[in-house]
Each structure stands twice: as C-alpha cells, then as structure tokens.
ModelCIF file with pLDDT and N, C-alpha, C, O atoms, coordinates in Angstrom:
data_MODEL
#
_entry.id   MODEL 
#
_entity.id                         1 
_entity.type                       polymer 
_entity.pdbx_number_of_molecules   1 
#
_entity_poly.entity_id                      1 
_entity_poly.type                           'polypeptide(L)' 
_entity_poly.nstd_linkage                   no 
_entity_poly.nstd_monomer                   no 
_entity_poly.pdbx_seq_one_letter_code       SNQLFLTDGGIETTLIFHEGHNLPYFAAYDLLKQPFGTESLRK 
_entity_poly.pdbx_seq_one_letter_code_can   SNQLFLTDGGIETTLIFHEGHNLPYFAAYDLLKQPFGTESLRK 
_entity_poly.pdbx_strand_id                 A 
#
loop_
_entity_poly_seq.entity_id 
_entity_poly_seq.num 
_entity_poly_seq.mon_id 
_entity_poly_seq.hetero 
1 1  SER n 
1 2  ASN n 
1 3  GLN n 
1 4  LEU n 
1 5  PHE n 
1 6  LEU n 
1 7  THR n 
1 8  ASP n 
1 9  GLY n 
1 10 GLY n 
1 11 ILE n 
1 12 GLU n 
1 13 THR n 
1 14 THR n 
1 15 LEU n 
1 16 ILE n 
1 17 PHE n 
1 18 HIS n 
1 19 GLU n 
1 20 GLY n 
1 21 HIS n 
1 22 ASN n 
1 23 LEU n 
1 24 PRO n 
1 25 TYR n 
1 26 PHE n 
1 27 ALA n 
1 28 ALA n 
1 29 TYR n 
1 30 ASP n 
1 31 LEU n 
1 32 LEU n 
1 33 LYS n 
1 34 GLN n 
1 35 PRO n 
1 36 PHE n 
1 37 GLY n 
1 38 THR n 
1 39 GLU n 
1 40 SER n 
1 41 LEU n 
1 42 ARG n 
1 43 LYS n 
#
_struct_asym.id          A 
_struct_asym.entity_id   1 
#
loop_
_ma_qa_metric.id 
_ma_qa_metric.mode 
_ma_qa_metric.name 
_ma_qa_metric.software_group_id 
_ma_qa_metric.type 
1 global pLDDT . pLDDT 
2 local  pLDDT . pLDDT 
#
_ma_qa_metric_global.metric_id      1 
_ma_qa_metric_global.metric_value   97.07 
_ma_qa_metric_global.model_id       1 
_ma_qa_metric_global.ordinal_id     1 
#
loop_
_ma_qa_metric_local.label_asym_id 
_ma_qa_metric_local.label_comp_id 
_ma_qa_metric_local.label_seq_id 
_ma_qa_metric_local.metric_id 
_ma_qa_metric_local.metric_value 
_ma_qa_metric_local.model_id 
_ma_qa_metric_local.ordinal_id 
A SER 1  2 93.00 1 1  
A ASN 2  2 91.00 1 2  
A GLN 3  2 93.00 1 3  
A LEU 4  2 95.00 1 4  
A PHE 5  2 98.00 1 5  
A LEU 6  2 98.00 1 6  
A THR 7  2 98.00 1 7  
A ASP 8  2 98.00 1 8  
A GLY 9  2 98.00 1 9  
A GLY 10 2 98.00 1 10 
A ILE 11 2 98.00 1 11 
A GLU 12 2 98.00 1 12 
A THR 13 2 97.00 1 13 
A THR 14 2 98.00 1 14 
A LEU 15 2 98.00 1 15 
A ILE 16 2 97.00 1 16 
A PHE 17 2 96.00 1 17 
A HIS 18 2 96.00 1 18 
A GLU 19 2 96.00 1 19 
A GLY 20 2 97.00 1 20 
A HIS 21 2 97.00 1 21 
A ASN 22 2 96.00 1 22 
A LEU 23 2 97.00 1 23 
A PRO 24 2 97.00 1 24 
A TYR 25 2 96.00 1 25 
A PHE 26 2 96.00 1 26 
A ALA 27 2 98.00 1 27 
A ALA 28 2 98.00 1 28 
A TYR 29 2 98.00 1 29 
A ASP 30 2 98.00 1 30 
A LEU 31 2 98.00 1 31 
A LEU 32 2 98.00 1 32 
A LYS 33 2 98.00 1 33 
A GLN 34 2 97.00 1 34 
A PRO 35 2 98.00 1 35 
A PHE 36 2 97.00 1 36 
A GLY 37 2 98.00 1 37 
A THR 38 2 98.00 1 38 
A GLU 39 2 98.00 1 39 
A SER 40 2 98.00 1 40 
A LEU 41 2 98.00 1 41 
A ARG 42 2 98.00 1 42 
A LYS 43 2 98.00 1 43 
#
loop_
_atom_site.group_PDB 
_atom_site.id 
_atom_site.type_symbol 
_atom_site.label_atom_id 
_atom_site.label_alt_id 
_atom_site.label_comp_id 
_atom_site.label_asym_id 
_atom_site.label_entity_id 
_atom_site.label_seq_id 
_atom_site.pdbx_PDB_ins_code 
_atom_site.Cartn_x 
_atom_site.Cartn_y 
_atom_site.Cartn_z 
_atom_site.occupancy 
_atom_site.B_iso_or_equiv 
_atom_site.pdbx_formal_charge 
_atom_site.auth_seq_id 
_atom_site.auth_comp_id 
_atom_site.auth_asym_id 
_atom_site.auth_atom_id 
_atom_site.pdbx_PDB_model_num 
ATOM 1   N N  . SER A 1 1  ? 0.801  -1.200  0.022  1.00 93.00 ? 1  SER A N  1 
ATOM 2   C CA . SER A 1 1  ? -0.016 -0.045  -0.005 1.00 93.00 ? 1  SER A CA 1 
ATOM 3   C C  . SER A 1 1  ? 1.141  1.283   -0.214 1.00 93.00 ? 1  SER A C  1 
ATOM 4   O O  . SER A 1 1  ? 2.245  1.301   -0.760 1.00 93.00 ? 1  SER A O  1 
ATOM 5   N N  . ASN A 1 2  ? 0.329  2.369   0.492  1.00 91.00 ? 2  ASN A N  1 
ATOM 6   C CA . ASN A 1 2  ? 1.137  3.399   0.424  1.00 91.00 ? 2  ASN A CA 1 
ATOM 7   C C  . ASN A 1 2  ? 1.591  3.892   1.852  1.00 91.00 ? 2  ASN A C  1 
ATOM 8   O O  . ASN A 1 2  ? 2.112  4.973   2.125  1.00 91.00 ? 2  ASN A O  1 
ATOM 9   N N  . GLN A 1 3  ? 1.283  2.887   2.672  1.00 93.00 ? 3  GLN A N  1 
ATOM 10  C CA . GLN A 1 3  ? 1.809  3.159   3.967  1.00 93.00 ? 3  GLN A CA 1 
ATOM 11  C C  . GLN A 1 3  ? 3.273  2.755   3.958  1.00 93.00 ? 3  GLN A C  1 
ATOM 12  O O  . GLN A 1 3  ? 3.869  2.020   3.171  1.00 93.00 ? 3  GLN A O  1 
ATOM 13  N N  . LEU A 1 4  ? 3.873  3.671   5.439  1.00 95.00 ? 4  LEU A N  1 
ATOM 14  C CA . LEU A 1 4  ? 5.359  3.436   5.133  1.00 95.00 ? 4  LEU A CA 1 
ATOM 15  C C  . LEU A 1 4  ? 5.693  2.518   6.066  1.00 95.00 ? 4  LEU A C  1 
ATOM 16  O O  . LEU A 1 4  ? 5.127  2.579   7.157  1.00 95.00 ? 4  LEU A O  1 
ATOM 17  N N  . PHE A 1 5  ? 6.549  1.628   5.845  1.00 98.00 ? 5  PHE A N  1 
ATOM 18  C CA . PHE A 1 5  ? 6.807  0.548   6.920  1.00 98.00 ? 5  PHE A CA 1 
ATOM 19  C C  . PHE A 1 5  ? 8.204  0.667   6.893  1.00 98.00 ? 5  PHE A C  1 
ATOM 20  O O  . PHE A 1 5  ? 8.869  1.037   5.925  1.00 98.00 ? 5  PHE A O  1 
ATOM 21  N N  . LEU A 1 6  ? 8.726  0.249   8.288  1.00 98.00 ? 6  LEU A N  1 
ATOM 22  C CA . LEU A 1 6  ? 10.348 0.422   8.416  1.00 98.00 ? 6  LEU A CA 1 
ATOM 23  C C  . LEU A 1 6  ? 10.168 -0.845  8.795  1.00 98.00 ? 6  LEU A C  1 
ATOM 24  O O  . LEU A 1 6  ? 9.186  -1.512  9.123  1.00 98.00 ? 6  LEU A O  1 
ATOM 25  N N  . THR A 1 7  ? 11.701 -1.113  8.646  1.00 98.00 ? 7  THR A N  1 
ATOM 26  C CA . THR A 1 7  ? 12.512 -2.488  9.045  1.00 98.00 ? 7  THR A CA 1 
ATOM 27  C C  . THR A 1 7  ? 13.778 -2.312  10.033 1.00 98.00 ? 7  THR A C  1 
ATOM 28  O O  . THR A 1 7  ? 14.097 -1.207  10.473 1.00 98.00 ? 7  THR A O  1 
ATOM 29  N N  . ASP A 1 8  ? 14.399 -3.387  10.309 1.00 98.00 ? 8  ASP A N  1 
ATOM 30  C CA . ASP A 1 8  ? 15.699 -2.831  11.043 1.00 98.00 ? 8  ASP A CA 1 
ATOM 31  C C  . ASP A 1 8  ? 16.506 -2.541  10.337 1.00 98.00 ? 8  ASP A C  1 
ATOM 32  O O  . ASP A 1 8  ? 16.369 -2.409  9.121  1.00 98.00 ? 8  ASP A O  1 
ATOM 33  N N  . GLY A 1 9  ? 17.966 -2.317  11.260 1.00 98.00 ? 9  GLY A N  1 
ATOM 34  C CA . GLY A 1 9  ? 19.082 -2.284  10.655 1.00 98.00 ? 9  GLY A CA 1 
ATOM 35  C C  . GLY A 1 9  ? 19.994 -3.128  10.358 1.00 98.00 ? 9  GLY A C  1 
ATOM 36  O O  . GLY A 1 9  ? 19.569 -4.231  10.013 1.00 98.00 ? 9  GLY A O  1 
ATOM 37  N N  . GLY A 1 10 ? 21.624 -2.925  10.380 1.00 98.00 ? 10 GLY A N  1 
ATOM 38  C CA . GLY A 1 10 ? 22.136 -4.179  10.438 1.00 98.00 ? 10 GLY A CA 1 
ATOM 39  C C  . GLY A 1 10 ? 22.202 -5.167  11.521 1.00 98.00 ? 10 GLY A C  1 
ATOM 40  O O  . GLY A 1 10 ? 22.887 -5.144  12.543 1.00 98.00 ? 10 GLY A O  1 
ATOM 41  N N  . ILE A 1 11 ? 21.662 -5.725  11.254 1.00 98.00 ? 11 ILE A N  1 
ATOM 42  C CA . ILE A 1 11 ? 21.777 -6.784  12.537 1.00 98.00 ? 11 ILE A CA 1 
ATOM 43  C C  . ILE A 1 11 ? 22.960 -7.262  13.005 1.00 98.00 ? 11 ILE A C  1 
ATOM 44  O O  . ILE A 1 11 ? 23.357 -7.086  14.157 1.00 98.00 ? 11 ILE A O  1 
ATOM 45  N N  . GLU A 1 12 ? 23.670 -7.997  11.966 1.00 98.00 ? 12 GLU A N  1 
ATOM 46  C CA . GLU A 1 12 ? 24.986 -8.182  12.364 1.00 98.00 ? 12 GLU A CA 1 
ATOM 47  C C  . GLU A 1 12 ? 26.177 -7.704  12.709 1.00 98.00 ? 12 GLU A C  1 
ATOM 48  O O  . GLU A 1 12 ? 27.157 -8.238  13.229 1.00 98.00 ? 12 GLU A O  1 
ATOM 49  N N  . THR A 1 13 ? 25.888 -6.290  12.234 1.00 97.00 ? 13 THR A N  1 
ATOM 50  C CA . THR A 1 13 ? 26.939 -5.188  12.774 1.00 97.00 ? 13 THR A CA 1 
ATOM 51  C C  . THR A 1 13 ? 26.847 -4.595  14.237 1.00 97.00 ? 13 THR A C  1 
ATOM 52  O O  . THR A 1 13 ? 27.675 -4.192  15.054 1.00 97.00 ? 13 THR A O  1 
ATOM 53  N N  . THR A 1 14 ? 25.290 -4.740  14.199 1.00 98.00 ? 14 THR A N  1 
ATOM 54  C CA . THR A 1 14 ? 24.747 -4.220  15.564 1.00 98.00 ? 14 THR A CA 1 
ATOM 55  C C  . THR A 1 14 ? 25.425 -5.162  16.918 1.00 98.00 ? 14 THR A C  1 
ATOM 56  O O  . THR A 1 14 ? 25.991 -4.739  17.926 1.00 98.00 ? 14 THR A O  1 
ATOM 57  N N  . LEU A 1 15 ? 25.170 -6.364  16.568 1.00 98.00 ? 15 LEU A N  1 
ATOM 58  C CA . LEU A 1 15 ? 25.497 -7.546  17.425 1.00 98.00 ? 15 LEU A CA 1 
ATOM 59  C C  . LEU A 1 15 ? 26.535 -7.930  17.669 1.00 98.00 ? 15 LEU A C  1 
ATOM 60  O O  . LEU A 1 15 ? 26.853 -8.621  18.636 1.00 98.00 ? 15 LEU A O  1 
ATOM 61  N N  . ILE A 1 16 ? 27.567 -7.317  16.360 1.00 97.00 ? 16 ILE A N  1 
ATOM 62  C CA . ILE A 1 16 ? 28.930 -7.637  16.635 1.00 97.00 ? 16 ILE A CA 1 
ATOM 63  C C  . ILE A 1 16 ? 29.717 -6.608  17.379 1.00 97.00 ? 16 ILE A C  1 
ATOM 64  O O  . ILE A 1 16 ? 30.515 -7.015  18.223 1.00 97.00 ? 16 ILE A O  1 
ATOM 65  N N  . PHE A 1 17 ? 29.588 -5.282  17.163 1.00 96.00 ? 17 PHE A N  1 
ATOM 66  C CA . PHE A 1 17 ? 29.950 -4.008  17.378 1.00 96.00 ? 17 PHE A CA 1 
ATOM 67  C C  . PHE A 1 17 ? 29.497 -2.910  18.450 1.00 96.00 ? 17 PHE A C  1 
ATOM 68  O O  . PHE A 1 17 ? 30.004 -1.927  18.990 1.00 96.00 ? 17 PHE A O  1 
ATOM 69  N N  . HIS A 1 18 ? 28.394 -3.525  18.470 1.00 96.00 ? 18 HIS A N  1 
ATOM 70  C CA . HIS A 1 18 ? 27.602 -2.614  19.603 1.00 96.00 ? 18 HIS A CA 1 
ATOM 71  C C  . HIS A 1 18 ? 27.571 -3.635  21.026 1.00 96.00 ? 18 HIS A C  1 
ATOM 72  O O  . HIS A 1 18 ? 27.811 -3.292  22.183 1.00 96.00 ? 18 HIS A O  1 
ATOM 73  N N  . GLU A 1 19 ? 27.249 -4.787  20.589 1.00 96.00 ? 19 GLU A N  1 
ATOM 74  C CA . GLU A 1 19 ? 26.764 -5.900  22.111 1.00 96.00 ? 19 GLU A CA 1 
ATOM 75  C C  . GLU A 1 19 ? 27.536 -6.869  21.876 1.00 96.00 ? 19 GLU A C  1 
ATOM 76  O O  . GLU A 1 19 ? 27.042 -7.992  21.975 1.00 96.00 ? 19 GLU A O  1 
ATOM 77  N N  . GLY A 1 20 ? 28.777 -6.760  21.546 1.00 97.00 ? 20 GLY A N  1 
ATOM 78  C CA . GLY A 1 20 ? 30.099 -7.625  21.575 1.00 97.00 ? 20 GLY A CA 1 
ATOM 79  C C  . GLY A 1 20 ? 29.784 -9.268  21.656 1.00 97.00 ? 20 GLY A C  1 
ATOM 80  O O  . GLY A 1 20 ? 30.202 -10.015 22.541 1.00 97.00 ? 20 GLY A O  1 
ATOM 81  N N  . HIS A 1 21 ? 28.986 -9.631  20.573 1.00 97.00 ? 21 HIS A N  1 
ATOM 82  C CA . HIS A 1 21 ? 29.001 -10.890 20.575 1.00 97.00 ? 21 HIS A CA 1 
ATOM 83  C C  . HIS A 1 21 ? 29.699 -11.420 19.284 1.00 97.00 ? 21 HIS A C  1 
ATOM 84  O O  . HIS A 1 21 ? 29.913 -10.744 18.277 1.00 97.00 ? 21 HIS A O  1 
ATOM 85  N N  . ASN A 1 22 ? 29.962 -12.485 19.433 1.00 96.00 ? 22 ASN A N  1 
ATOM 86  C CA . ASN A 1 22 ? 30.672 -13.251 18.073 1.00 96.00 ? 22 ASN A CA 1 
ATOM 87  C C  . ASN A 1 22 ? 30.131 -13.958 17.545 1.00 96.00 ? 22 ASN A C  1 
ATOM 88  O O  . ASN A 1 22 ? 29.713 -15.056 17.909 1.00 96.00 ? 22 ASN A O  1 
ATOM 89  N N  . LEU A 1 23 ? 30.018 -13.249 16.238 1.00 97.00 ? 23 LEU A N  1 
ATOM 90  C CA . LEU A 1 23 ? 28.847 -14.121 15.232 1.00 97.00 ? 23 LEU A CA 1 
ATOM 91  C C  . LEU A 1 23 ? 29.676 -15.186 14.163 1.00 97.00 ? 23 LEU A C  1 
ATOM 92  O O  . LEU A 1 23 ? 29.519 -15.024 12.953 1.00 97.00 ? 23 LEU A O  1 
ATOM 93  N N  . PRO A 1 24 ? 30.393 -16.069 14.576 1.00 97.00 ? 24 PRO A N  1 
ATOM 94  C CA . PRO A 1 24 ? 30.770 -17.014 13.231 1.00 97.00 ? 24 PRO A CA 1 
ATOM 95  C C  . PRO A 1 24 ? 30.089 -16.506 11.863 1.00 97.00 ? 24 PRO A C  1 
ATOM 96  O O  . PRO A 1 24 ? 28.979 -15.974 11.887 1.00 97.00 ? 24 PRO A O  1 
ATOM 97  N N  . TYR A 1 25 ? 30.937 -16.730 10.460 1.00 96.00 ? 25 TYR A N  1 
ATOM 98  C CA . TYR A 1 25 ? 30.474 -15.978 9.622  1.00 96.00 ? 25 TYR A CA 1 
ATOM 99  C C  . TYR A 1 25 ? 29.467 -15.247 9.352  1.00 96.00 ? 25 TYR A C  1 
ATOM 100 O O  . TYR A 1 25 ? 28.775 -15.258 8.334  1.00 96.00 ? 25 TYR A O  1 
ATOM 101 N N  . PHE A 1 26 ? 29.366 -14.492 10.432 1.00 96.00 ? 26 PHE A N  1 
ATOM 102 C CA . PHE A 1 26 ? 28.422 -13.594 10.356 1.00 96.00 ? 26 PHE A CA 1 
ATOM 103 C C  . PHE A 1 26 ? 26.920 -14.066 10.341 1.00 96.00 ? 26 PHE A C  1 
ATOM 104 O O  . PHE A 1 26 ? 25.996 -13.539 9.722  1.00 96.00 ? 26 PHE A O  1 
ATOM 105 N N  . ALA A 1 27 ? 26.876 -15.191 11.169 1.00 98.00 ? 27 ALA A N  1 
ATOM 106 C CA . ALA A 1 27 ? 25.789 -16.017 11.397 1.00 98.00 ? 27 ALA A CA 1 
ATOM 107 C C  . ALA A 1 27 ? 24.843 -15.496 12.430 1.00 98.00 ? 27 ALA A C  1 
ATOM 108 O O  . ALA A 1 27 ? 25.003 -16.199 13.428 1.00 98.00 ? 27 ALA A O  1 
ATOM 109 N N  . ALA A 1 28 ? 23.914 -14.570 12.654 1.00 98.00 ? 28 ALA A N  1 
ATOM 110 C CA . ALA A 1 28 ? 23.549 -14.165 13.757 1.00 98.00 ? 28 ALA A CA 1 
ATOM 111 C C  . ALA A 1 28 ? 22.161 -15.572 14.455 1.00 98.00 ? 28 ALA A C  1 
ATOM 112 O O  . ALA A 1 28 ? 21.862 -15.921 15.597 1.00 98.00 ? 28 ALA A O  1 
ATOM 113 N N  . TYR A 1 29 ? 21.756 -15.922 13.328 1.00 98.00 ? 29 TYR A N  1 
ATOM 114 C CA . TYR A 1 29 ? 20.802 -17.202 13.745 1.00 98.00 ? 29 TYR A CA 1 
ATOM 115 C C  . TYR A 1 29 ? 21.403 -18.174 14.916 1.00 98.00 ? 29 TYR A C  1 
ATOM 116 O O  . TYR A 1 29 ? 20.741 -18.860 15.695 1.00 98.00 ? 29 TYR A O  1 
ATOM 117 N N  . ASP A 1 30 ? 22.965 -18.046 14.836 1.00 98.00 ? 30 ASP A N  1 
ATOM 118 C CA . ASP A 1 30 ? 23.624 -19.192 16.053 1.00 98.00 ? 30 ASP A CA 1 
ATOM 119 C C  . ASP A 1 30 ? 23.139 -18.490 17.116 1.00 98.00 ? 30 ASP A C  1 
ATOM 120 O O  . ASP A 1 30 ? 22.988 -19.309 18.023 1.00 98.00 ? 30 ASP A O  1 
ATOM 121 N N  . LEU A 1 31 ? 22.721 -17.085 17.588 1.00 98.00 ? 31 LEU A N  1 
ATOM 122 C CA . LEU A 1 31 ? 22.171 -16.772 19.086 1.00 98.00 ? 31 LEU A CA 1 
ATOM 123 C C  . LEU A 1 31 ? 21.331 -17.712 19.303 1.00 98.00 ? 31 LEU A C  1 
ATOM 124 O O  . LEU A 1 31 ? 21.388 -18.114 20.465 1.00 98.00 ? 31 LEU A O  1 
ATOM 125 N N  . LEU A 1 32 ? 20.251 -18.446 18.384 1.00 98.00 ? 32 LEU A N  1 
ATOM 126 C CA . LEU A 1 32 ? 19.627 -19.116 19.291 1.00 98.00 ? 32 LEU A CA 1 
ATOM 127 C C  . LEU A 1 32 ? 19.325 -20.388 19.735 1.00 98.00 ? 32 LEU A C  1 
ATOM 128 O O  . LEU A 1 32 ? 18.403 -21.117 20.102 1.00 98.00 ? 32 LEU A O  1 
ATOM 129 N N  . LYS A 1 33 ? 20.719 -20.318 19.502 1.00 98.00 ? 33 LYS A N  1 
ATOM 130 C CA . LYS A 1 33 ? 21.047 -21.883 20.162 1.00 98.00 ? 33 LYS A CA 1 
ATOM 131 C C  . LYS A 1 33 ? 21.179 -21.752 21.872 1.00 98.00 ? 33 LYS A C  1 
ATOM 132 O O  . LYS A 1 33 ? 21.217 -22.792 22.529 1.00 98.00 ? 33 LYS A O  1 
ATOM 133 N N  . GLN A 1 34 ? 21.238 -20.586 22.465 1.00 97.00 ? 34 GLN A N  1 
ATOM 134 C CA . GLN A 1 34 ? 21.430 -20.649 23.536 1.00 97.00 ? 34 GLN A CA 1 
ATOM 135 C C  . GLN A 1 34 ? 20.568 -19.198 24.073 1.00 97.00 ? 34 GLN A C  1 
ATOM 136 O O  . GLN A 1 34 ? 20.736 -18.163 23.428 1.00 97.00 ? 34 GLN A O  1 
ATOM 137 N N  . PRO A 1 35 ? 19.584 -19.204 25.371 1.00 98.00 ? 35 PRO A N  1 
ATOM 138 C CA . PRO A 1 35 ? 19.145 -18.589 25.964 1.00 98.00 ? 35 PRO A CA 1 
ATOM 139 C C  . PRO A 1 35 ? 19.301 -17.060 25.980 1.00 98.00 ? 35 PRO A C  1 
ATOM 140 O O  . PRO A 1 35 ? 18.472 -16.237 25.590 1.00 98.00 ? 35 PRO A O  1 
ATOM 141 N N  . PHE A 1 36 ? 20.298 -16.874 26.409 1.00 97.00 ? 36 PHE A N  1 
ATOM 142 C CA . PHE A 1 36 ? 21.195 -15.906 26.618 1.00 97.00 ? 36 PHE A CA 1 
ATOM 143 C C  . PHE A 1 36 ? 20.979 -15.003 24.890 1.00 97.00 ? 36 PHE A C  1 
ATOM 144 O O  . PHE A 1 36 ? 20.637 -13.827 24.768 1.00 97.00 ? 36 PHE A O  1 
ATOM 145 N N  . GLY A 1 37 ? 21.205 -15.696 24.072 1.00 98.00 ? 37 GLY A N  1 
ATOM 146 C CA . GLY A 1 37 ? 21.509 -15.646 22.390 1.00 98.00 ? 37 GLY A CA 1 
ATOM 147 C C  . GLY A 1 37 ? 20.168 -15.210 22.024 1.00 98.00 ? 37 GLY A C  1 
ATOM 148 O O  . GLY A 1 37 ? 20.041 -14.180 21.362 1.00 98.00 ? 37 GLY A O  1 
ATOM 149 N N  . THR A 1 38 ? 18.865 -16.085 22.491 1.00 98.00 ? 38 THR A N  1 
ATOM 150 C CA . THR A 1 38 ? 17.871 -15.769 22.246 1.00 98.00 ? 38 THR A CA 1 
ATOM 151 C C  . THR A 1 38 ? 17.194 -14.386 22.638 1.00 98.00 ? 38 THR A C  1 
ATOM 152 O O  . THR A 1 38 ? 16.524 -13.670 21.893 1.00 98.00 ? 38 THR A O  1 
ATOM 153 N N  . GLU A 1 39 ? 17.502 -14.177 23.908 1.00 98.00 ? 39 GLU A N  1 
ATOM 154 C CA . GLU A 1 39 ? 17.255 -12.984 24.496 1.00 98.00 ? 39 GLU A CA 1 
ATOM 155 C C  . GLU A 1 39 ? 18.147 -11.532 23.931 1.00 98.00 ? 39 GLU A C  1 
ATOM 156 O O  . GLU A 1 39 ? 17.705 -10.384 23.965 1.00 98.00 ? 39 GLU A O  1 
ATOM 157 N N  . SER A 1 40 ? 19.137 -11.844 23.557 1.00 98.00 ? 40 SER A N  1 
ATOM 158 C CA . SER A 1 40 ? 19.965 -10.818 23.073 1.00 98.00 ? 40 SER A CA 1 
ATOM 159 C C  . SER A 1 40 ? 19.153 -10.165 21.210 1.00 98.00 ? 40 SER A C  1 
ATOM 160 O O  . SER A 1 40 ? 18.985 -9.000  20.849 1.00 98.00 ? 40 SER A O  1 
ATOM 161 N N  . LEU A 1 41 ? 18.922 -11.105 20.654 1.00 98.00 ? 41 LEU A N  1 
ATOM 162 C CA . LEU A 1 41 ? 17.834 -11.061 19.417 1.00 98.00 ? 41 LEU A CA 1 
ATOM 163 C C  . LEU A 1 41 ? 16.372 -10.446 19.717 1.00 98.00 ? 41 LEU A C  1 
ATOM 164 O O  . LEU A 1 41 ? 15.769 -9.736  18.911 1.00 98.00 ? 41 LEU A O  1 
ATOM 165 N N  . ARG A 1 42 ? 15.812 -10.875 21.186 1.00 98.00 ? 42 ARG A N  1 
ATOM 166 C CA . ARG A 1 42 ? 14.962 -10.301 21.483 1.00 98.00 ? 42 ARG A CA 1 
ATOM 167 C C  . ARG A 1 42 ? 14.580 -9.054  21.410 1.00 98.00 ? 42 ARG A C  1 
ATOM 168 O O  . ARG A 1 42 ? 13.630 -8.494  20.864 1.00 98.00 ? 42 ARG A O  1 
ATOM 169 N N  . LYS A 1 43 ? 15.821 -8.564  22.297 1.00 98.00 ? 43 LYS A N  1 
ATOM 170 C CA . LYS A 1 43 ? 15.817 -7.257  22.827 1.00 98.00 ? 43 LYS A CA 1 
ATOM 171 C C  . LYS A 1 43 ? 16.405 -6.353  21.386 1.00 98.00 ? 43 LYS A C  1 
ATOM 172 O O  . LYS A 1 43 ? 16.546 -5.131  21.440 1.00 98.00 ? 43 LYS A O  1 
#
C-alpha cells in the first residue's frame, strides 16, 4: 500500500560491534542456540 513501513538496521554489525557478540561467519541465527542469545535477539 502507500503506508510507510520500517524494518531493522544492520543486525550483524549491531550485534558484533555494539553488543559484543561473536557471530561466526556473520551468522546471527547462531545466537538462537542459547537462551542468552535468544534474549539478545529479542531485545
């Protein structure tokens, strides 16, 4: 439609450089394997 939709920013660079996560091969989905990682993605 004509309505504006936002989406997110650079998830991998945010998680690596701002949140201090190690993302092997730039793989953000790897965080889903642990509860703390899932909560980081939720946040």
